[in-house]
C-alpha atoms as a PDB file:
ATOM      1  CA  MET A   1    -157.391 -94.558-133.576  1.00  0.00           C
ATOM      2  CA  ARG A   2    -156.736 -96.329-130.266  1.00  0.00           C
ATOM      3  CA  ASN A   3    -154.590 -95.045-127.446  1.00  0.00           C
ATOM      4  CA  VAL A   4    -151.836 -97.495-126.624  1.00  0.00           C
ATOM      5  CA  ALA A   5    -150.070 -97.489-123.269  1.00  0.00           C
ATOM      6  CA  LEU A   6    -146.404 -98.403-123.579  1.00  0.00           C
ATOM      7  CA  ALA A   7    -144.453 -99.995-120.767  1.00  0.00           C
ATOM      8  CA  ARG A   8    -141.874 -97.616-119.389  1.00  0.00           C
ATOM      9  CA  GLU A   9    -138.397 -98.939-120.070  1.00  0.00           C
ATOM     10  CA  GLU A  10    -134.915 -97.632-120.479  1.00  0.00           C
ATOM     11  CA  ILE A  11    -134.219 -97.135-124.184  1.00  0.00           C
ATOM     12  CA  THR A  12    -131.108 -95.736-125.770  1.00  0.00           C
ATOM     13  CA  VAL A  13    -130.806 -94.686-129.389  1.00  0.00           C
ATOM     14  CA  HIS A  14    -127.470 -94.328-131.154  1.00  0.00           C
ATOM     15  CA  ASN A  15    -127.045 -92.304-134.315  1.00  0.00           C
ATOM     16  CA  ALA A  16    -124.779 -93.704-137.002  1.00  0.00           C
ATOM     17  CA  ALA A  17    -125.064 -93.541-140.751  1.00  0.00           C
ATOM     18  CA  ASP A  18    -127.364 -96.283-142.068  1.00  0.00           C
ATOM     19  CA  THR A  19    -127.016 -98.526-139.002  1.00  0.00           C
ATOM     20  CA  PHE A  20    -129.203 -99.575-136.084  1.00  0.00           C
ATOM     21  CA  VAL A  21    -128.232-100.624-132.563  1.00  0.00           C
ATOM     22  CA  ARG A  22    -130.528-101.800-129.804  1.00  0.00           C
ATOM     23  CA  GLY A  23    -129.397-102.896-126.363  1.00  0.00           C
ATOM     24  CA  PHE A  24    -131.463-105.332-124.324  1.00  0.00           C
ATOM     25  CA  GLU A  25    -131.203-106.692-120.791  1.00  0.00           C
ATOM     26  CA  HIS A  26    -129.259-109.777-121.903  1.00  0.00           C
ATOM     27  CA  GLY A  27    -127.781-108.712-125.215  1.00  0.00           C
ATOM     28  CA  ALA A  28    -127.803-106.421-128.218  1.00  0.00           C
ATOM     29  CA  VAL A  29    -128.757-106.376-131.877  1.00  0.00           C
ATOM     30  CA  LEU A  30    -126.636-104.636-134.509  1.00  0.00           C
ATOM     31  CA  VAL A  31    -127.934-104.054-138.038  1.00  0.00           C
ATOM     32  CA  ASN A  32    -126.116-102.701-141.074  1.00  0.00           C
ATOM     33  CA  PRO A  33    -128.626-102.225-143.922  1.00  0.00           C
ATOM     34  CA  SER A  34    -126.177-100.096-145.932  1.00  0.00           C
ATOM     35  CA  ARG A  35    -124.265-101.184-149.028  1.00  0.00           C
ATOM     36  CA  ARG A  36    -120.854-100.999-147.348  1.00  0.00           C
ATOM     37  CA  ASP A  37    -119.135-102.600-144.371  1.00  0.00           C
ATOM     38  CA  PHE A  38    -119.537-100.822-141.033  1.00  0.00           C
ATOM     39  CA  THR A  39    -117.565-101.190-137.792  1.00  0.00           C
ATOM     40  CA  PHE A  40    -119.540-100.825-134.558  1.00  0.00           C
ATOM     41  CA  ASP A  41    -117.544 -99.491-131.595  1.00  0.00           C
ATOM     42  CA  LEU A  42    -119.015-101.690-128.853  1.00  0.00           C
ATOM     43  CA  GLU A  43    -116.904-100.068-126.123  1.00  0.00           C
ATOM     44  CA  LYS A  44    -118.364 -96.672-126.967  1.00  0.00           C
ATOM     45  CA  LEU A  45    -121.925 -97.924-127.504  1.00  0.00           C
ATOM     46  CA  PHE A  46    -122.000-100.091-124.356  1.00  0.00           C
ATOM     47  CA  PRO A  47    -119.356 -98.832-121.873  1.00  0.00           C
ATOM     48  CA  GLY A  48    -118.236-101.429-119.342  1.00  0.00           C
ATOM     49  CA  GLN A  49    -120.111-104.274-121.050  1.00  0.00           C
ATOM     50  CA  SER A  50    -118.866-107.169-123.146  1.00  0.00           C
ATOM     51  CA  PHE A  51    -120.634-109.501-125.549  1.00  0.00           C
ATOM     52  CA  HIS A  52    -120.213-112.782-127.353  1.00  0.00           C
ATOM     53  CA  ARG A  53    -121.776-114.247-130.467  1.00  0.00           C
ATOM     54  CA  ILE A  54    -124.556-116.804-130.300  1.00  0.00           C
ATOM     55  CA  GLU A  55    -123.750-120.411-131.205  1.00  0.00           C
ATOM     56  CA  GLY A  56    -125.700-121.266-134.315  1.00  0.00           C
ATOM     57  CA  VAL A  57    -125.926-124.094-136.807  1.00  0.00           C
ATOM     58  CA  LYS A  58    -126.589-121.778-139.728  1.00  0.00           C
ATOM     59  CA  THR A  59    -123.321-119.992-140.570  1.00  0.00           C
ATOM     60  CA  PRO A  60    -121.346-121.515-137.660  1.00  0.00           C
ATOM     61  CA  GLU A  61    -118.210-119.713-138.912  1.00  0.00           C
ATOM     62  CA  PHE A  62    -119.940-116.447-137.953  1.00  0.00           C
ATOM     63  CA  ASN A  63    -122.232-117.523-135.087  1.00  0.00           C
ATOM     64  CA  ASN A  64    -119.609-119.509-133.202  1.00  0.00           C
ATOM     65  CA  GLY A  65    -119.956-118.288-129.596  1.00  0.00           C
ATOM     66  CA  SER A  66    -116.708-116.296-129.716  1.00  0.00           C
ATOM     67  CA  PRO A  67    -116.219-112.966-127.907  1.00  0.00           C
ATOM     68  CA  ALA A  68    -117.393-109.977-129.927  1.00  0.00           C
ATOM     69  CA  GLY A  69    -114.407-107.814-128.983  1.00  0.00           C
ATOM     70  CA  PRO A  70    -114.317-104.048-128.488  1.00  0.00           C
ATOM     71  CA  ALA A  71    -115.349-103.457-132.113  1.00  0.00           C
ATOM     72  CA  LEU A  72    -117.306-105.560-134.571  1.00  0.00           C
ATOM     73  CA  THR A  73    -117.507-105.148-138.346  1.00  0.00           C
ATOM     74  CA  LEU A  74    -120.607-106.212-140.233  1.00  0.00           C
ATOM     75  CA  GLY A  75    -120.742-106.560-143.967  1.00  0.00           C
ATOM     76  CA  GLU A  76    -123.312-104.841-146.121  1.00  0.00           C
ATOM     77  CA  ARG A  77    -126.948-105.706-145.421  1.00  0.00           C
ATOM     78  CA  ASP A  78    -126.099-107.843-142.412  1.00  0.00           C
ATOM     79  CA  GLY A  79    -127.093-108.056-138.768  1.00  0.00           C
ATOM     80  CA  ILE A  80    -126.117-109.919-135.616  1.00  0.00           C
ATOM     81  CA  PHE A  81    -127.549-110.855-132.229  1.00  0.00           C
ATOM     82  CA  LEU A  82    -125.027-110.635-129.379  1.00  0.00           C
ATOM     83  CA  ILE A  83    -125.331-112.052-125.874  1.00  0.00           C
ATOM     84  CA  LYS A  84    -124.146-109.998-122.906  1.00  0.00           C
ATOM     85  CA  ASN A  85    -121.390-111.669-120.844  1.00  0.00           C
END
């Protein structure tokens, strides 16, 4: 077994049933692997920050560059990349 040195960085972990949230310097990733819709409270998870959706060619109705709002609902087994404003 090798020893691995990890870069020291600021990491936050948020506990919510069957969901994952990870904030990055320029955005965030939200994942809902559960079998039901879940609403992420972005204001509570990332106080004082706002996000918008990426602009994508696959599913442009979802990835349309619009503001993410204070809360965002993801359907079952879905995920999204958000860009910090």
